[in-house]
PDB file of N, CA and C in Angstrom:
ATOM      1  N   MET A   1      89.255  10.116  20.487  1.00  0.00           N
ATOM      2  CA  MET A   1      89.763  10.206  19.225  1.00  0.00           C
ATOM      3  C   MET A   1      91.383  10.305  19.164  1.00  0.00           C
ATOM      4  N   SER A   2      92.246   9.788  18.671  1.00  0.00           N
ATOM      5  CA  SER A   2      93.313  11.253  19.142  1.00  0.00           C
ATOM      6  C   SER A   2      94.231  11.945  18.266  1.00  0.00           C
ATOM      7  N   ASP A   3      95.407  12.457  18.705  1.00  0.00           N
ATOM      8  CA  ASP A   3      95.165  14.229  17.945  1.00  0.00           C
ATOM      9  C   ASP A   3      95.965  13.484  16.117  1.00  0.00           C
ATOM     10  N   SER A   4      96.117  12.416  16.132  1.00  0.00           N
ATOM     11  CA  SER A   4      96.642  12.263  14.676  1.00  0.00           C
ATOM     12  C   SER A   4      95.634  12.584  13.364  1.00  0.00           C
ATOM     13  N   ILE A   5      94.541  12.583  14.079  1.00  0.00           N
ATOM     14  CA  ILE A   5      93.391  12.958  12.654  1.00  0.00           C
ATOM     15  C   ILE A   5      93.544  14.390  12.617  1.00  0.00           C
ATOM     16  N   HIS A   6      94.503  15.082  13.434  1.00  0.00           N
ATOM     17  CA  HIS A   6      94.830  16.640  13.113  1.00  0.00           C
ATOM     18  C   HIS A   6      95.778  17.283  12.940  1.00  0.00           C
ATOM     19  N   MET A   7      96.649  16.082  12.618  1.00  0.00           N
ATOM     20  CA  MET A   7      97.881  15.922  11.870  1.00  0.00           C
ATOM     21  C   MET A   7      98.183  16.143  10.146  1.00  0.00           C
ATOM     22  N   PRO A   8      98.769  17.238   9.571  1.00  0.00           N
ATOM     23  CA  PRO A   8      98.899  16.733   8.783  1.00  0.00           C
ATOM     24  C   PRO A   8      99.251  15.491   7.601  1.00  0.00           C
ATOM     25  N   PHE A   9      98.504  14.392   6.433  1.00  0.00           N
ATOM     26  CA  PHE A   9      98.843  13.288   6.386  1.00  0.00           C
ATOM     27  C   PHE A   9      99.685  12.771   5.587  1.00  0.00           C
ATOM     28  N   LEU A  10     100.563  14.593   4.928  1.00  0.00           N
ATOM     29  CA  LEU A  10     101.545  14.491   3.881  1.00  0.00           C
ATOM     30  C   LEU A  10     102.698  13.409   4.333  1.00  0.00           C
ATOM     31  N   SER A  11     102.955  12.800   3.622  1.00  0.00           N
ATOM     32  CA  SER A  11     104.234  11.282   4.500  1.00  0.00           C
ATOM     33  C   SER A  11     104.217  10.922   5.093  1.00  0.00           C
ATOM     34  N   ARG A  12     103.138  10.527   5.862  1.00  0.00           N
ATOM     35  CA  ARG A  12     102.698   9.526   6.692  1.00  0.00           C
ATOM     36  C   ARG A  12     102.579   7.918   5.911  1.00  0.00           C
ATOM     37  N   SER A  13     102.555   7.213   6.437  1.00  0.00           N
ATOM     38  CA  SER A  13     102.153   6.127   5.609  1.00  0.00           C
ATOM     39  C   SER A  13     100.948   5.461   5.901  1.00  0.00           C
ATOM     40  N   LEU A  14      99.817   5.618   5.293  1.00  0.00           N
ATOM     41  CA  LEU A  14      98.579   5.605   5.309  1.00  0.00           C
ATOM     42  C   LEU A  14      98.544   3.454   4.757  1.00  0.00           C
ATOM     43  N   THR A  15      97.507   2.879   5.264  1.00  0.00           N
ATOM     44  CA  THR A  15      97.158   1.767   4.986  1.00  0.00           C
ATOM     45  C   THR A  15      95.201   1.341   5.275  1.00  0.00           C
ATOM     46  N   VAL A  16      94.834   1.392   3.860  1.00  0.00           N
ATOM     47  CA  VAL A  16      93.173   0.859   3.937  1.00  0.00           C
ATOM     48  C   VAL A  16      93.114  -0.017   4.718  1.00  0.00           C
ATOM     49  N   LYS A  17      91.798  -0.022   5.744  1.00  0.00           N
ATOM     50  CA  LYS A  17      91.647  -1.259   6.616  1.00  0.00           C
ATOM     51  C   LYS A  17      90.249  -1.885   5.857  1.00  0.00           C
ATOM     52  N   ALA A  18      89.708  -0.589   5.464  1.00  0.00           N
ATOM     53  CA  ALA A  18      87.817  -1.528   4.742  1.00  0.00           C
ATOM     54  C   ALA A  18      87.821  -0.051   3.344  1.00  0.00           C
ATOM     55  N   SER A  19      87.250  -1.044   2.954  1.00  0.00           N
ATOM     56  CA  SER A  19      86.490  -0.242   1.733  1.00  0.00           C
ATOM     57  C   SER A  19      85.460  -0.680   1.199  1.00  0.00           C
ATOM     58  N   SER A  20      84.310   0.631   0.624  1.00  0.00           N
ATOM     59  CA  SER A  20      83.420  -0.557   0.009  1.00  0.00           C
ATOM     60  C   SER A  20      83.458  -1.005  -1.547  1.00  0.00           C
ATOM     61  N   ASP A  21      85.219  -0.415  -1.954  1.00  0.00           N
ATOM     62  CA  ASP A  21      85.582  -0.990  -3.161  1.00  0.00           C
ATOM     63  C   ASP A  21      87.293  -2.365  -2.856  1.00  0.00           C
ATOM     64  N   ALA A  22      86.717  -3.271  -2.836  1.00  0.00           N
ATOM     65  CA  ALA A  22      87.708  -4.244  -2.388  1.00  0.00           C
ATOM     66  C   ALA A  22      88.377  -4.233  -2.586  1.00  0.00           C
ATOM     67  N   ASP A  23      89.142  -3.865  -3.897  1.00  0.00           N
ATOM     68  CA  ASP A  23      90.398  -3.901  -4.217  1.00  0.00           C
ATOM     69  C   ASP A  23      91.161  -2.661  -4.057  1.00  0.00           C
ATOM     70  N   LEU A  24      90.649  -1.849  -3.258  1.00  0.00           N
ATOM     71  CA  LEU A  24      91.500  -1.314  -2.108  1.00  0.00           C
ATOM     72  C   LEU A  24      92.048  -1.224  -0.868  1.00  0.00           C
ATOM     73  N   VAL A  25      91.164  -2.803  -0.343  1.00  0.00           N
ATOM     74  CA  VAL A  25      91.014  -3.043   0.996  1.00  0.00           C
ATOM     75  C   VAL A  25      93.046  -3.680   1.274  1.00  0.00           C
ATOM     76  N   GLY A  26      93.789  -2.983   1.826  1.00  0.00           N
ATOM     77  CA  GLY A  26      95.412  -3.611   1.902  1.00  0.00           C
ATOM     78  C   GLY A  26      96.051  -3.060   1.776  1.00  0.00           C
ATOM     79  N   MET A  27      95.490  -1.678   0.572  1.00  0.00           N
ATOM     80  CA  MET A  27      96.735  -1.350  -0.199  1.00  0.00           C
ATOM     81  C   MET A  27      97.213  -0.237   1.087  1.00  0.00           C
ATOM     82  N   SER A  28      97.946   0.029   0.642  1.00  0.00           N
ATOM     83  CA  SER A  28      99.332   1.178   2.046  1.00  0.00           C
ATOM     84  C   SER A  28     100.109   1.869   1.143  1.00  0.00           C
ATOM     85  N   GLY A  29     100.898   3.183   1.082  1.00  0.00           N
ATOM     86  CA  GLY A  29     101.419   3.563   0.914  1.00  0.00           C
ATOM     87  C   GLY A  29     101.883   4.776   1.539  1.00  0.00           C
ATOM     88  N   ILE A  30     102.514   5.969   1.445  1.00  0.00           N
ATOM     89  CA  ILE A  30     102.861   7.110   1.781  1.00  0.00           C
ATOM     90  C   ILE A  30     102.169   7.824   1.168  1.00  0.00           C
ATOM     91  N   VAL A  31     101.543   9.129   1.611  1.00  0.00           N
ATOM     92  CA  VAL A  31     100.716   9.909   1.446  1.00  0.00           C
ATOM     93  C   VAL A  31     101.362  10.984   0.869  1.00  0.00           C
ATOM     94  N   VAL A  32     101.372  11.195  -0.919  1.00  0.00           N
ATOM     95  CA  VAL A  32     101.958  12.544  -1.502  1.00  0.00           C
ATOM     96  C   VAL A  32     100.977  13.650  -1.227  1.00  0.00           C
ATOM     97  N   GLY A  33      99.467  13.646  -1.396  1.00  0.00           N
ATOM     98  CA  GLY A  33      99.169  14.223  -1.527  1.00  0.00           C
ATOM     99  C   GLY A  33      97.480  14.215  -1.160  1.00  0.00           C
ATOM    100  N   GLU A  34      96.704  16.011  -0.975  1.00  0.00           N
ATOM    101  CA  GLU A  34      95.511  15.483  -0.356  1.00  0.00           C
ATOM    102  C   GLU A  34      94.578  16.255  -1.246  1.00  0.00           C
ATOM    103  N   THR A  35      93.463  16.359  -1.023  1.00  0.00           N
ATOM    104  CA  THR A  35      92.629  17.160  -1.263  1.00  0.00           C
ATOM    105  C   THR A  35      91.275  17.129  -0.436  1.00  0.00           C
ATOM    106  N   ARG A  36      90.379  17.984  -0.565  1.00  0.00           N
ATOM    107  CA  ARG A  36      88.744  17.851  -0.029  1.00  0.00           C
ATOM    108  C   ARG A  36      88.570  16.242  -0.142  1.00  0.00           C
ATOM    109  N   ARG A  37      88.528  15.528  -0.896  1.00  0.00           N
ATOM    110  CA  ARG A  37      87.533  14.619  -1.488  1.00  0.00           C
ATOM    111  C   ARG A  37      89.266  13.660  -1.106  1.00  0.00           C
ATOM    112  N   THR A  38      89.766  13.611  -1.866  1.00  0.00           N
ATOM    113  CA  THR A  38      91.082  12.520  -1.655  1.00  0.00           C
ATOM    114  C   THR A  38      92.155  12.255  -1.204  1.00  0.00           C
ATOM    115  N   ILE A  39      92.827  11.396  -1.482  1.00  0.00           N
ATOM    116  CA  ILE A  39      94.283  11.214  -0.729  1.00  0.00           C
ATOM    117  C   ILE A  39      94.294  10.970  -2.140  1.00  0.00           C
ATOM    118  N   ALA A  40      96.145  10.645  -1.918  1.00  0.00           N
ATOM    119  CA  ALA A  40      97.007  10.241  -3.108  1.00  0.00           C
ATOM    120  C   ALA A  40      97.641   9.753  -2.513  1.00  0.00           C
ATOM    121  N   LEU A  41      98.242   8.600  -3.118  1.00  0.00           N
ATOM    122  CA  LEU A  41      99.303   7.670  -2.218  1.00  0.00           C
ATOM    123  C   LEU A  41     100.506   7.029  -3.128  1.00  0.00           C
ATOM    124  N   ASP A  42     101.311   7.200  -2.606  1.00  0.00           N
ATOM    125  CA  ASP A  42     102.457   6.851  -3.588  1.00  0.00           C
ATOM    126  C   ASP A  42     102.919   4.615  -3.483  1.00  0.00           C
ATOM    127  N   VAL A  43     102.796   4.362  -3.839  1.00  0.00           N
ATOM    128  CA  VAL A  43     101.957   2.514  -3.782  1.00  0.00           C
ATOM    129  C   VAL A  43     103.524   2.048  -4.549  1.00  0.00           C
ATOM    130  N   SER A  44     104.783   1.855  -4.644  1.00  0.00           N
ATOM    131  CA  SER A  44     105.198   1.172  -5.115  1.00  0.00           C
ATOM    132  C   SER A  44     106.170   2.012  -6.262  1.00  0.00           C
ATOM    133  N   GLY A  45     105.693   3.141  -6.351  1.00  0.00           N
ATOM    134  CA  GLY A  45     106.347   4.778  -7.256  1.00  0.00           C
ATOM    135  C   GLY A  45     105.599   4.767  -8.386  1.00  0.00           C
ATOM    136  N   GLU A  46     104.431   4.010  -8.009  1.00  0.00           N
ATOM    137  CA  GLU A  46     102.828   4.465  -8.681  1.00  0.00           C
ATOM    138  C   GLU A  46     101.921   5.521  -7.889  1.00  0.00           C
ATOM    139  N   THR A  47     101.752   6.088  -8.445  1.00  0.00           N
ATOM    140  CA  THR A  47     100.791   7.275  -7.634  1.00  0.00           C
ATOM    141  C   THR A  47      98.974   6.700  -7.827  1.00  0.00           C
ATOM    142  N   LYS A  48      98.347   6.716  -6.267  1.00  0.00           N
ATOM    143  CA  LYS A  48      97.296   6.107  -6.192  1.00  0.00           C
ATOM    144  C   LYS A  48      96.247   7.309  -5.664  1.00  0.00           C
ATOM    145  N   THR A  49      95.355   6.843  -6.651  1.00  0.00           N
ATOM    146  CA  THR A  49      94.344   8.168  -5.553  1.00  0.00           C
ATOM    147  C   THR A  49      92.595   7.970  -5.782  1.00  0.00           C
ATOM    148  N   LEU A  50      92.630   8.003  -3.957  1.00  0.00           N
ATOM    149  CA  LEU A  50      91.661   7.355  -3.477  1.00  0.00           C
ATOM    150  C   LEU A  50      90.403   7.834  -3.381  1.00  0.00           C
ATOM    151  N   ALA A  51      89.236   8.066  -3.064  1.00  0.00           N
ATOM    152  CA  ALA A  51      88.481   8.993  -2.520  1.00  0.00           C
ATOM    153  C   ALA A  51      88.132   8.354  -1.340  1.00  0.00           C
ATOM    154  N   LYS A  52      88.113  10.083  -0.273  1.00  0.00           N
ATOM    155  CA  LYS A  52      88.515   9.347   1.269  1.00  0.00           C
ATOM    156  C   LYS A  52      87.077   8.768   1.388  1.00  0.00           C
ATOM    157  N   ASN A  53      85.733   9.003   0.647  1.00  0.00           N
ATOM    158  CA  ASN A  53      84.517   8.815   1.095  1.00  0.00           C
ATOM    159  C   ASN A  53      83.778   6.767   1.332  1.00  0.00           C
ATOM    160  N   VAL A  54      85.173   6.592   0.508  1.00  0.00           N
ATOM    161  CA  VAL A  54      84.835   5.255   0.614  1.00  0.00           C
ATOM    162  C   VAL A  54      85.744   4.372   1.059  1.00  0.00           C
ATOM    163  N   ILE A  55      87.038   4.973   1.939  1.00  0.00           N
ATOM    164  CA  ILE A  55      87.717   3.957   2.268  1.00  0.00           C
ATOM    165  C   ILE A  55      87.778   4.254   4.356  1.00  0.00           C
ATOM    166  N   GLU A  56      87.904   3.653   4.926  1.00  0.00           N
ATOM    167  CA  GLU A  56      88.690   3.621   5.880  1.00  0.00           C
ATOM    168  C   GLU A  56      90.512   3.071   6.019  1.00  0.00           C
ATOM    169  N   PHE A  57      91.095   4.050   7.715  1.00  0.00           N
ATOM    170  CA  PHE A  57      92.366   3.369   7.144  1.00  0.00           C
ATOM    171  C   PHE A  57      93.187   3.942   8.356  1.00  0.00           C
ATOM    172  N   THR A  58      94.039   3.846   8.471  1.00  0.00           N
ATOM    173  CA  THR A  58      94.709   4.033   9.681  1.00  0.00           C
ATOM    174  C   THR A  58      95.869   4.836   9.399  1.00  0.00           C
ATOM    175  N   LEU A  59      96.726   5.120   9.889  1.00  0.00           N
ATOM    176  CA  LEU A  59      98.266   6.112   9.689  1.00  0.00           C
ATOM    177  C   LEU A  59      98.773   6.338  10.471  1.00  0.00           C
ATOM    178  N   ASP A  60     100.483   5.664   9.723  1.00  0.00           N
ATOM    179  CA  ASP A  60     101.991   4.979  11.021  1.00  0.00           C
ATOM    180  C   ASP A  60     101.374   4.088  11.592  1.00  0.00           C
ATOM    181  N   HIS A  61     100.700   3.233  10.885  1.00  0.00           N
ATOM    182  CA  HIS A  61     100.450   1.748  11.307  1.00  0.00           C
ATOM    183  C   HIS A  61      99.999   1.841  12.978  1.00  0.00           C
ATOM    184  N   GLU A  62      99.637   2.978  13.382  1.00  0.00           N
ATOM    185  CA  GLU A  62      98.791   2.838  14.066  1.00  0.00           C
ATOM    186  C   GLU A  62      97.256   1.618  14.378  1.00  0.00           C
ATOM    187  N   ASP A  63      97.223   1.705  15.820  1.00  0.00           N
ATOM    188  CA  ASP A  63      95.512   1.225  15.845  1.00  0.00           C
ATOM    189  C   ASP A  63      94.486   1.786  15.543  1.00  0.00           C
ATOM    190  N   GLU A  64      94.108   3.303  15.723  1.00  0.00           N
ATOM    191  CA  GLU A  64      93.081   4.239  15.589  1.00  0.00           C
ATOM    192  C   GLU A  64      92.375   4.291  14.018  1.00  0.00           C
ATOM    193  N   LEU A  65      91.274   3.495  13.115  1.00  0.00           N
ATOM    194  CA  LEU A  65      90.842   3.464  12.202  1.00  0.00           C
ATOM    195  C   LEU A  65      90.233   4.954  12.261  1.00  0.00           C
ATOM    196  N   ILE A  66      90.920   5.475  10.607  1.00  0.00           N
ATOM    197  CA  ILE A  66      89.941   6.917  10.793  1.00  0.00           C
ATOM    198  C   ILE A  66      88.966   6.599   9.786  1.00  0.00           C
ATOM    199  N   GLN A  67      87.641   7.544   9.422  1.00  0.00           N
ATOM    200  CA  GLN A  67      86.532   7.106   8.676  1.00  0.00           C
ATOM    201  C   GLN A  67      87.096   7.794   7.844  1.00  0.00           C
ATOM    202  N   GLY A  68      87.474   7.583   6.439  1.00  0.00           N
ATOM    203  CA  GLY A  68      87.591   8.862   5.385  1.00  0.00           C
ATOM    204  C   GLY A  68      86.319  10.052   5.231  1.00  0.00           C
ATOM    205  N   ALA A  69      84.563   9.581   5.125  1.00  0.00           N
ATOM    206  CA  ALA A  69      84.200  10.092   5.122  1.00  0.00           C
ATOM    207  C   ALA A  69      84.126  11.101   6.066  1.00  0.00           C
ATOM    208  N   MET A  70      84.664  11.094   7.524  1.00  0.00           N
ATOM    209  CA  MET A  70      85.119  11.970   8.578  1.00  0.00           C
ATOM    210  C   MET A  70      85.781  13.374   8.226  1.00  0.00           C
ATOM    211  N   VAL A  71      86.919  12.672   7.318  1.00  0.00           N
ATOM    212  CA  VAL A  71      87.692  14.104   7.519  1.00  0.00           C
ATOM    213  C   VAL A  71      87.310  14.478   6.360  1.00  0.00           C
ATOM    214  N   CYS A  72      85.702  14.381   5.045  1.00  0.00           N
ATOM    215  CA  CYS A  72      86.412  14.916   4.324  1.00  0.00           C
ATOM    216  C   CYS A  72      86.272  16.645   3.939  1.00  0.00           C
ATOM    217  N   GLN A  73      86.925  17.441   4.246  1.00  0.00           N
ATOM    218  CA  GLN A  73      87.353  18.374   3.950  1.00  0.00           C
ATOM    219  C   GLN A  73      88.836  19.086   3.609  1.00  0.00           C
ATOM    220  N   ARG A  74      89.119  20.322   3.773  1.00  0.00           N
ATOM    221  CA  ARG A  74      90.557  20.228   2.833  1.00  0.00           C
ATOM    222  C   ARG A  74      91.597  20.107   4.076  1.00  0.00           C
ATOM    223  N   PRO A  75      92.160  19.683   4.085  1.00  0.00           N
ATOM    224  CA  PRO A  75      93.837  19.776   4.938  1.00  0.00           C
ATOM    225  C   PRO A  75      93.410  20.540   6.341  1.00  0.00           C
ATOM    226  N   GLU A  76      93.923  21.659   5.635  1.00  0.00           N
ATOM    227  CA  GLU A  76      93.854  22.668   6.513  1.00  0.00           C
ATOM    228  C   GLU A  76      92.713  23.652   7.289  1.00  0.00           C
ATOM    229  N   ASP A  77      91.345  22.956   6.880  1.00  0.00           N
ATOM    230  CA  ASP A  77      90.215  22.882   7.553  1.00  0.00           C
ATOM    231  C   ASP A  77      90.525  21.861   8.610  1.00  0.00           C
ATOM    232  N   ARG A  78      90.686  21.180   8.317  1.00  0.00           N
ATOM    233  CA  ARG A  78      91.007  19.875   9.002  1.00  0.00           C
ATOM    234  C   ARG A  78      91.900  19.740  10.291  1.00  0.00           C
ATOM    235  N   ILE A  79      92.299  20.304  10.442  1.00  0.00           N
ATOM    236  CA  ILE A  79      93.510  20.365  11.289  1.00  0.00           C
ATOM    237  C   ILE A  79      92.790  21.081  12.879  1.00  0.00           C
ATOM    238  N   HIS A  80      91.747  22.123  12.322  1.00  0.00           N
ATOM    239  CA  HIS A  80      91.872  23.032  13.605  1.00  0.00           C
ATOM    240  C   HIS A  80      89.966  22.430  13.853  1.00  0.00           C
ATOM    241  N   ARG A  81      89.714  21.936  13.006  1.00  0.00           N
ATOM    242  CA  ARG A  81      88.305  21.153  13.818  1.00  0.00           C
ATOM    243  C   ARG A  81      88.146  19.827  14.577  1.00  0.00           C
ATOM    244  N   LYS A  82      87.413  20.015  15.508  1.00  0.00           N
ATOM    245  CA  LYS A  82      86.972  19.805  16.716  1.00  0.00           C
ATOM    246  C   LYS A  82      85.935  18.245  16.309  1.00  0.00           C
ATOM    247  N   TYR A  83      86.841  16.791  16.766  1.00  0.00           N
ATOM    248  CA  TYR A  83      85.532  15.993  16.459  1.00  0.00           C
ATOM    249  C   TYR A  83      85.056  15.456  17.440  1.00  0.00           C
ATOM    250  N   ARG A  84      83.936  15.012  16.974  1.00  0.00           N
ATOM    251  CA  ARG A  84      83.422  13.669  18.301  1.00  0.00           C
ATOM    252  C   ARG A  84      84.364  12.356  18.480  1.00  0.00           C
ATOM    253  N   ARG A  85      84.000  12.576  19.830  1.00  0.00           N
ATOM    254  CA  ARG A  85      84.563  11.144  20.067  1.00  0.00           C
ATOM    255  C   ARG A  85      83.685  10.162  20.597  1.00  0.00           C
ATOM    256  N   ASN A  86      83.484   8.701  19.856  1.00  0.00           N
ATOM    257  CA  ASN A  86      83.170   7.462  19.865  1.00  0.00           C
ATOM    258  C   ASN A  86      82.915   7.069  20.792  1.00  0.00           C
TER     259      ASN A  86
END
């Protein structure tokens, strides 16, 4: 697992690669906010709020797929957390 998951998500480009909600797949934008359970994206000037636990996404066009359910904690807690390597 790369260090990308430990870095702040704010101002990074996020692309939804998989979701239980088919309407979210392919959505991309700039992260403008993050809470424990949601990520807010700026998509063409409109803010969309996505639940972390229903999406899998990439950041900044990297290859690593991040499972949203795995990062369902406060951003400040996620930065210092240790994750298992798959």
